[in-house]
């Protein structure tokens, strides 16, 4: 893969992480309960951390991580996306967040499959795991609090 294509892929991934960070910031501002605000603030910070990881191409952190099996409750598979708006109910914020994470997993899986560079494959595998962890956390909350 040539250097320009490599940089283009990294910029694209960085843009997606900033979009995710901004989404979680807005969701935090709209949340009515302190626990929900904290959840979305934490996810926002993690997405910003992903941006930094990509920007720095921090291979040490990636190399030091192990790929773990994270359960997929598949709750988001059966949900329809919603639009983030000021009066949005908590359940809809969770739905949007789950669908966003689902799309991020798909994006990074597709990028990983097309990456010939080993360092890019490791980066995308790491990001897939991180986004899968976010999705699981959101699905677990949805299952425990909304579907109970």
N, C-alpha and C. Protein backbone atom coordinates (compact mmCIF):
# COMPACT_ATOMS: atom_id res chain seq x y z
N UNK A 1 0.86 -1.18 0.00
CA UNK A 1 0.00 0.00 0.00
C UNK A 1 0.90 1.23 0.00
N UNK A 2 0.59 2.19 -0.87
CA UNK A 2 1.43 3.38 -0.91
C UNK A 2 1.13 4.28 0.29
N UNK A 3 2.07 5.17 0.57
CA UNK A 3 1.99 6.03 1.75
C UNK A 3 0.75 6.94 1.73
N UNK A 4 0.41 7.45 0.56
CA UNK A 4 -0.75 8.35 0.47
C UNK A 4 -2.04 7.61 0.82
N UNK A 5 -2.20 6.41 0.30
CA UNK A 5 -3.40 5.61 0.60
C UNK A 5 -3.44 5.27 2.09
N UNK A 6 -2.29 4.94 2.66
CA UNK A 6 -2.16 4.63 4.08
C UNK A 6 -2.63 5.82 4.91
N UNK A 7 -2.13 7.02 4.58
CA UNK A 7 -2.52 8.23 5.32
C UNK A 7 -4.01 8.55 5.14
N UNK A 8 -4.51 8.33 3.95
CA UNK A 8 -5.93 8.57 3.67
C UNK A 8 -6.82 7.67 4.55
N UNK A 9 -6.46 6.42 4.68
CA UNK A 9 -7.21 5.48 5.52
C UNK A 9 -7.16 5.92 6.98
N UNK A 10 -5.98 6.32 7.42
CA UNK A 10 -5.83 6.77 8.81
C UNK A 10 -6.64 8.04 9.07
N UNK A 11 -6.62 8.98 8.14
CA UNK A 11 -7.42 10.22 8.30
C UNK A 11 -8.91 9.89 8.37
N UNK A 12 -9.34 8.98 7.53
CA UNK A 12 -10.75 8.57 7.52
C UNK A 12 -11.13 7.97 8.87
N UNK A 13 -10.30 7.07 9.38
CA UNK A 13 -10.57 6.44 10.68
C UNK A 13 -10.56 7.49 11.79
N UNK A 14 -9.64 8.44 11.72
CA UNK A 14 -9.58 9.50 12.72
C UNK A 14 -10.84 10.36 12.68
N UNK A 15 -11.32 10.67 11.48
CA UNK A 15 -12.56 11.45 11.35
C UNK A 15 -13.73 10.71 12.00
N UNK A 16 -13.80 9.40 11.79
CA UNK A 16 -14.88 8.60 12.37
C UNK A 16 -14.81 8.60 13.89
N UNK A 17 -13.60 8.56 14.43
CA UNK A 17 -13.45 8.59 15.89
C UNK A 17 -13.87 9.94 16.46
N UNK A 18 -13.58 11.03 15.74
CA UNK A 18 -14.00 12.35 16.20
C UNK A 18 -15.52 12.49 16.12
N UNK A 19 -16.12 11.94 15.08
CA UNK A 19 -17.58 11.94 14.98
C UNK A 19 -18.19 11.20 16.17
N UNK A 20 -17.61 10.08 16.52
CA UNK A 20 -18.10 9.29 17.66
C UNK A 20 -17.92 10.08 18.96
N UNK A 21 -16.76 10.71 19.12
CA UNK A 21 -16.52 11.52 20.31
C UNK A 21 -17.57 12.62 20.43
N UNK A 22 -17.80 13.33 19.33
CA UNK A 22 -18.77 14.43 19.33
C UNK A 22 -20.19 13.93 19.62
N UNK A 23 -20.54 12.77 19.07
CA UNK A 23 -21.85 12.19 19.35
C UNK A 23 -22.01 11.93 20.84
N UNK A 24 -21.02 11.30 21.46
CA UNK A 24 -21.13 10.98 22.88
C UNK A 24 -21.13 12.24 23.75
N UNK A 25 -20.44 13.27 23.30
CA UNK A 25 -20.50 14.55 24.03
C UNK A 25 -21.91 15.13 23.99
N UNK A 26 -22.51 15.12 22.80
CA UNK A 26 -23.89 15.63 22.67
C UNK A 26 -24.85 14.76 23.49
N UNK A 27 -24.66 13.45 23.43
CA UNK A 27 -25.53 12.54 24.19
C UNK A 27 -25.40 12.81 25.68
N UNK A 28 -24.18 13.09 26.13
CA UNK A 28 -23.95 13.40 27.55
C UNK A 28 -24.67 14.68 27.95
N UNK A 29 -24.63 15.67 27.08
CA UNK A 29 -25.31 16.94 27.35
C UNK A 29 -26.83 16.76 27.41
N UNK A 30 -27.35 15.83 26.63
CA UNK A 30 -28.80 15.60 26.58
C UNK A 30 -29.29 14.66 27.68
N UNK A 31 -28.38 13.90 28.25
CA UNK A 31 -28.77 12.91 29.27
C UNK A 31 -29.33 13.61 30.50
N UNK A 32 -30.33 12.99 31.07
CA UNK A 32 -31.01 13.60 32.22
C UNK A 32 -30.46 13.11 33.55
N UNK A 33 -29.82 11.94 33.57
CA UNK A 33 -29.35 11.36 34.83
C UNK A 33 -27.83 11.35 34.88
N UNK A 34 -27.29 11.54 36.08
CA UNK A 34 -25.83 11.65 36.23
C UNK A 34 -25.10 10.40 35.77
N UNK A 35 -25.65 9.23 36.03
CA UNK A 35 -25.01 7.99 35.60
C UNK A 35 -24.91 7.89 34.09
N UNK A 36 -25.95 8.34 33.43
CA UNK A 36 -25.97 8.34 31.97
C UNK A 36 -24.98 9.35 31.42
N UNK A 37 -24.94 10.53 32.04
CA UNK A 37 -23.96 11.55 31.63
C UNK A 37 -22.55 11.00 31.76
N UNK A 38 -22.27 10.33 32.88
CA UNK A 38 -20.93 9.76 33.10
C UNK A 38 -20.60 8.70 32.06
N UNK A 39 -21.56 7.84 31.73
CA UNK A 39 -21.34 6.80 30.72
C UNK A 39 -20.94 7.43 29.39
N UNK A 40 -21.72 8.41 28.93
CA UNK A 40 -21.44 9.02 27.63
C UNK A 40 -20.17 9.87 27.65
N UNK A 41 -19.86 10.49 28.78
CA UNK A 41 -18.61 11.24 28.91
C UNK A 41 -17.42 10.28 28.81
N UNK A 42 -17.53 9.15 29.48
CA UNK A 42 -16.46 8.15 29.43
C UNK A 42 -16.28 7.61 28.02
N UNK A 43 -17.38 7.30 27.34
CA UNK A 43 -17.28 6.80 25.96
C UNK A 43 -16.68 7.87 25.05
N UNK A 44 -17.02 9.12 25.27
CA UNK A 44 -16.44 10.22 24.50
C UNK A 44 -14.92 10.26 24.66
N UNK A 45 -14.48 10.12 25.90
CA UNK A 45 -13.03 10.13 26.17
C UNK A 45 -12.35 8.93 25.52
N UNK A 46 -13.00 7.78 25.53
CA UNK A 46 -12.41 6.60 24.91
C UNK A 46 -12.30 6.78 23.40
N UNK A 47 -13.31 7.37 22.79
CA UNK A 47 -13.24 7.63 21.35
C UNK A 47 -12.12 8.61 21.03
N UNK A 48 -11.94 9.60 21.88
CA UNK A 48 -10.82 10.53 21.69
C UNK A 48 -9.49 9.79 21.83
N UNK A 49 -9.44 8.85 22.76
CA UNK A 49 -8.24 8.02 22.91
C UNK A 49 -7.96 7.20 21.66
N UNK A 50 -9.01 6.71 21.02
CA UNK A 50 -8.83 5.97 19.76
C UNK A 50 -8.25 6.90 18.70
N UNK A 51 -8.75 8.15 18.66
CA UNK A 51 -8.22 9.12 17.71
C UNK A 51 -6.73 9.32 17.93
N UNK A 52 -6.35 9.50 19.20
CA UNK A 52 -4.93 9.70 19.52
C UNK A 52 -4.10 8.48 19.14
N UNK A 53 -4.65 7.31 19.38
CA UNK A 53 -3.96 6.07 19.04
C UNK A 53 -3.68 6.01 17.54
N UNK A 54 -4.69 6.36 16.75
CA UNK A 54 -4.51 6.36 15.29
C UNK A 54 -3.55 7.47 14.88
N UNK A 55 -3.72 8.66 15.45
CA UNK A 55 -2.86 9.80 15.09
C UNK A 55 -1.40 9.50 15.37
N UNK A 56 -1.15 8.88 16.51
CA UNK A 56 0.23 8.56 16.89
C UNK A 56 0.68 7.24 16.31
N UNK A 57 -0.26 6.49 15.74
CA UNK A 57 -0.02 5.12 15.31
C UNK A 57 0.78 4.39 16.39
N UNK A 58 0.19 4.40 17.58
CA UNK A 58 0.83 3.86 18.78
C UNK A 58 0.88 2.34 18.73
N UNK A 59 1.89 1.83 18.06
CA UNK A 59 2.00 0.39 17.90
C UNK A 59 2.33 -0.32 19.21
N UNK A 60 2.96 0.41 20.15
CA UNK A 60 3.27 -0.22 21.44
C UNK A 60 1.99 -0.62 22.16
N UNK A 61 1.03 0.27 22.20
CA UNK A 61 -0.24 -0.04 22.88
C UNK A 61 -0.96 -1.17 22.15
N UNK A 62 -0.93 -1.12 20.83
CA UNK A 62 -1.59 -2.15 20.03
C UNK A 62 -0.90 -3.49 20.24
N UNK A 63 0.43 -3.49 20.18
CA UNK A 63 1.19 -4.73 20.35
C UNK A 63 0.97 -5.32 21.73
N UNK A 64 0.82 -4.45 22.74
CA UNK A 64 0.66 -4.92 24.11
C UNK A 64 -0.74 -5.43 24.42
N UNK A 65 -1.67 -5.24 23.50
CA UNK A 65 -3.04 -5.67 23.76
C UNK A 65 -3.24 -7.09 23.24
N UNK A 66 -4.17 -7.76 23.86
CA UNK A 66 -4.54 -9.09 23.38
C UNK A 66 -5.99 -9.04 22.92
N UNK A 67 -6.26 -9.74 21.86
CA UNK A 67 -7.63 -9.78 21.34
C UNK A 67 -8.43 -10.71 22.25
N UNK A 68 -9.51 -10.17 22.77
CA UNK A 68 -10.37 -10.93 23.68
C UNK A 68 -11.70 -11.21 23.01
N UNK A 69 -12.31 -12.28 23.46
CA UNK A 69 -13.65 -12.60 22.98
C UNK A 69 -14.65 -11.78 23.78
N UNK A 70 -15.40 -10.96 23.09
CA UNK A 70 -16.40 -10.10 23.74
C UNK A 70 -17.76 -10.57 23.25
N UNK A 71 -18.67 -10.85 24.18
CA UNK A 71 -19.99 -11.35 23.77
C UNK A 71 -20.73 -10.32 22.91
N UNK A 72 -21.52 -10.82 22.00
CA UNK A 72 -22.38 -9.97 21.19
C UNK A 72 -23.82 -10.35 21.52
N UNK A 73 -24.50 -9.48 22.23
CA UNK A 73 -25.89 -9.75 22.61
C UNK A 73 -26.84 -9.62 21.42
N UNK A 74 -26.36 -9.01 20.34
CA UNK A 74 -27.10 -8.83 19.09
C UNK A 74 -28.39 -8.03 19.24
N UNK A 75 -28.49 -7.30 20.32
CA UNK A 75 -29.69 -6.48 20.54
C UNK A 75 -29.81 -5.42 19.45
N UNK A 76 -28.70 -4.80 19.10
CA UNK A 76 -28.75 -3.73 18.10
C UNK A 76 -29.14 -4.25 16.72
N UNK A 77 -28.96 -5.55 16.48
CA UNK A 77 -29.36 -6.12 15.19
C UNK A 77 -30.85 -5.96 14.93
N UNK A 78 -31.62 -5.85 16.00
CA UNK A 78 -33.08 -5.82 15.88
C UNK A 78 -33.67 -4.45 16.15
N UNK A 79 -32.82 -3.46 16.29
CA UNK A 79 -33.29 -2.11 16.57
C UNK A 79 -33.18 -1.22 15.35
N UNK A 80 -34.08 -0.28 15.25
CA UNK A 80 -34.06 0.71 14.19
C UNK A 80 -33.36 1.95 14.74
N UNK A 81 -32.56 2.56 13.91
CA UNK A 81 -31.84 3.76 14.32
C UNK A 81 -32.83 4.90 14.59
N UNK A 82 -32.42 5.84 15.41
CA UNK A 82 -33.23 7.02 15.72
C UNK A 82 -32.36 8.25 15.47
N UNK A 83 -32.97 9.41 15.58
CA UNK A 83 -32.24 10.66 15.39
C UNK A 83 -32.02 11.33 16.74
N UNK A 84 -30.80 11.81 16.96
CA UNK A 84 -30.48 12.50 18.20
C UNK A 84 -31.14 13.88 18.19
N UNK A 85 -31.98 14.13 19.17
CA UNK A 85 -32.68 15.41 19.28
C UNK A 85 -32.78 15.78 20.75
N UNK A 86 -33.03 17.04 21.07
CA UNK A 86 -33.02 17.49 22.47
C UNK A 86 -33.97 16.74 23.41
N UNK A 87 -35.13 16.34 22.94
CA UNK A 87 -36.11 15.70 23.81
C UNK A 87 -36.08 14.17 23.74
N UNK A 88 -34.99 13.62 23.30
CA UNK A 88 -34.91 12.19 23.03
C UNK A 88 -34.93 11.37 24.33
N UNK A 89 -35.69 10.29 24.35
CA UNK A 89 -35.70 9.41 25.53
C UNK A 89 -34.38 8.64 25.65
N UNK A 90 -34.06 8.26 26.87
CA UNK A 90 -32.84 7.52 27.18
C UNK A 90 -32.70 6.27 26.32
N UNK A 91 -33.78 5.51 26.15
CA UNK A 91 -33.73 4.27 25.36
C UNK A 91 -33.30 4.56 23.93
N UNK A 92 -33.75 5.68 23.37
CA UNK A 92 -33.38 6.03 22.00
C UNK A 92 -31.92 6.45 21.90
N UNK A 93 -31.41 7.14 22.92
CA UNK A 93 -29.98 7.49 22.93
C UNK A 93 -29.15 6.21 22.92
N UNK A 94 -29.54 5.24 23.73
CA UNK A 94 -28.82 3.96 23.75
C UNK A 94 -28.91 3.27 22.39
N UNK A 95 -30.09 3.31 21.78
CA UNK A 95 -30.26 2.70 20.45
C UNK A 95 -29.33 3.32 19.43
N UNK A 96 -29.29 4.64 19.41
CA UNK A 96 -28.41 5.33 18.46
C UNK A 96 -26.96 4.95 18.71
N UNK A 97 -26.57 4.95 19.97
CA UNK A 97 -25.19 4.62 20.33
C UNK A 97 -24.84 3.20 19.90
N UNK A 98 -25.73 2.25 20.14
CA UNK A 98 -25.48 0.86 19.73
C UNK A 98 -25.32 0.75 18.22
N UNK A 99 -26.20 1.42 17.48
CA UNK A 99 -26.13 1.36 16.02
C UNK A 99 -24.84 2.01 15.50
N UNK A 100 -24.41 3.09 16.15
CA UNK A 100 -23.15 3.74 15.75
C UNK A 100 -21.98 2.79 15.96
N UNK A 101 -21.96 2.13 17.11
CA UNK A 101 -20.88 1.18 17.40
C UNK A 101 -20.92 0.02 16.42
N UNK A 102 -22.11 -0.44 16.09
CA UNK A 102 -22.28 -1.52 15.12
C UNK A 102 -21.67 -1.11 13.77
N UNK A 103 -21.95 0.12 13.34
CA UNK A 103 -21.39 0.60 12.07
C UNK A 103 -19.87 0.76 12.14
N UNK A 104 -19.36 1.17 13.30
CA UNK A 104 -17.91 1.30 13.46
C UNK A 104 -17.23 -0.06 13.36
N UNK A 105 -17.84 -1.07 13.97
CA UNK A 105 -17.29 -2.43 13.90
C UNK A 105 -17.24 -2.88 12.45
N UNK A 106 -18.33 -2.64 11.71
CA UNK A 106 -18.38 -3.03 10.30
C UNK A 106 -17.33 -2.28 9.49
N UNK A 107 -17.21 -0.98 9.72
CA UNK A 107 -16.22 -0.18 9.01
C UNK A 107 -14.81 -0.72 9.25
N UNK A 108 -14.44 -0.91 10.52
CA UNK A 108 -13.09 -1.37 10.82
C UNK A 108 -12.87 -2.81 10.35
N UNK A 109 -13.91 -3.61 10.34
CA UNK A 109 -13.78 -4.98 9.81
C UNK A 109 -13.50 -4.93 8.31
N UNK A 110 -14.22 -4.07 7.59
CA UNK A 110 -14.00 -3.92 6.15
C UNK A 110 -12.60 -3.37 5.87
N UNK A 111 -12.18 -2.36 6.64
CA UNK A 111 -10.84 -1.80 6.44
C UNK A 111 -9.77 -2.83 6.76
N UNK A 112 -10.00 -3.61 7.80
CA UNK A 112 -9.05 -4.65 8.19
C UNK A 112 -8.92 -5.70 7.08
N UNK A 113 -10.04 -6.08 6.50
CA UNK A 113 -10.03 -7.09 5.44
C UNK A 113 -9.30 -6.61 4.19
N UNK A 114 -9.33 -5.31 3.95
CA UNK A 114 -8.68 -4.79 2.74
C UNK A 114 -7.26 -4.27 2.99
N UNK A 115 -6.83 -4.27 4.24
CA UNK A 115 -5.49 -3.75 4.56
C UNK A 115 -4.43 -4.82 4.30
N UNK A 116 -3.44 -4.47 3.51
CA UNK A 116 -2.34 -5.39 3.25
C UNK A 116 -1.22 -5.19 4.26
N UNK A 117 -1.17 -4.03 4.86
CA UNK A 117 -0.12 -3.69 5.81
C UNK A 117 -0.43 -4.30 7.18
N UNK A 118 0.54 -5.02 7.75
CA UNK A 118 0.33 -5.71 9.03
C UNK A 118 0.04 -4.75 10.17
N UNK A 119 0.70 -3.59 10.19
CA UNK A 119 0.45 -2.65 11.27
C UNK A 119 -0.97 -2.08 11.19
N UNK A 120 -1.47 -1.89 9.97
CA UNK A 120 -2.86 -1.45 9.81
C UNK A 120 -3.83 -2.53 10.27
N UNK A 121 -3.54 -3.78 9.94
CA UNK A 121 -4.40 -4.88 10.37
C UNK A 121 -4.46 -4.96 11.89
N UNK A 122 -3.33 -4.78 12.53
CA UNK A 122 -3.30 -4.81 14.00
C UNK A 122 -4.09 -3.64 14.57
N UNK A 123 -3.93 -2.47 13.96
CA UNK A 123 -4.67 -1.29 14.41
C UNK A 123 -6.17 -1.52 14.27
N UNK A 124 -6.61 -1.99 13.11
CA UNK A 124 -8.03 -2.20 12.90
C UNK A 124 -8.58 -3.31 13.79
N UNK A 125 -7.80 -4.36 14.02
CA UNK A 125 -8.24 -5.42 14.94
C UNK A 125 -8.43 -4.87 16.34
N UNK A 126 -7.51 -4.01 16.76
CA UNK A 126 -7.62 -3.38 18.07
C UNK A 126 -8.87 -2.51 18.14
N UNK A 127 -9.10 -1.71 17.10
CA UNK A 127 -10.27 -0.82 17.08
C UNK A 127 -11.58 -1.61 17.01
N UNK A 128 -11.58 -2.71 16.29
CA UNK A 128 -12.76 -3.59 16.25
C UNK A 128 -13.08 -4.06 17.67
N UNK A 129 -12.05 -4.47 18.38
CA UNK A 129 -12.26 -4.95 19.75
C UNK A 129 -12.78 -3.83 20.65
N UNK A 130 -12.22 -2.64 20.53
CA UNK A 130 -12.66 -1.52 21.35
C UNK A 130 -14.12 -1.16 21.07
N UNK A 131 -14.48 -1.09 19.80
CA UNK A 131 -15.86 -0.74 19.44
C UNK A 131 -16.82 -1.86 19.84
N UNK A 132 -16.37 -3.11 19.74
CA UNK A 132 -17.19 -4.24 20.17
C UNK A 132 -17.43 -4.17 21.68
N UNK A 133 -16.41 -3.76 22.41
CA UNK A 133 -16.55 -3.60 23.86
C UNK A 133 -17.58 -2.51 24.18
N UNK A 134 -17.53 -1.40 23.44
CA UNK A 134 -18.51 -0.33 23.64
C UNK A 134 -19.92 -0.84 23.35
N UNK A 135 -20.06 -1.53 22.22
CA UNK A 135 -21.38 -2.04 21.83
C UNK A 135 -21.92 -3.00 22.88
N UNK A 136 -21.08 -3.89 23.37
CA UNK A 136 -21.51 -4.84 24.40
C UNK A 136 -21.97 -4.09 25.65
N UNK A 137 -21.19 -3.11 26.05
CA UNK A 137 -21.54 -2.35 27.25
C UNK A 137 -22.90 -1.67 27.09
N UNK A 138 -23.12 -1.06 25.94
CA UNK A 138 -24.40 -0.39 25.67
C UNK A 138 -25.55 -1.39 25.60
N UNK A 139 -25.31 -2.54 24.94
CA UNK A 139 -26.35 -3.56 24.84
C UNK A 139 -26.69 -4.13 26.22
N UNK A 140 -25.70 -4.29 27.05
CA UNK A 140 -25.92 -4.82 28.40
C UNK A 140 -26.78 -3.83 29.20
N UNK A 141 -26.46 -2.56 29.10
CA UNK A 141 -27.26 -1.54 29.78
C UNK A 141 -28.69 -1.55 29.24
N UNK A 142 -28.83 -1.63 27.92
CA UNK A 142 -30.16 -1.65 27.31
C UNK A 142 -30.94 -2.87 27.78
N UNK A 143 -30.27 -4.01 27.82
CA UNK A 143 -30.91 -5.25 28.27
C UNK A 143 -31.33 -5.15 29.74
N UNK A 144 -30.44 -4.64 30.57
CA UNK A 144 -30.70 -4.56 32.01
C UNK A 144 -31.72 -3.48 32.38
N UNK A 145 -31.69 -2.36 31.67
CA UNK A 145 -32.51 -1.22 32.08
C UNK A 145 -33.76 -0.99 31.23
N UNK A 146 -33.71 -1.35 29.98
CA UNK A 146 -34.84 -1.07 29.09
C UNK A 146 -35.68 -2.32 28.85
N UNK A 147 -35.02 -3.43 28.58
CA UNK A 147 -35.75 -4.66 28.25
C UNK A 147 -36.16 -5.47 29.47
N UNK A 148 -35.74 -5.06 30.65
CA UNK A 148 -35.98 -5.86 31.87
C UNK A 148 -37.38 -6.31 32.08
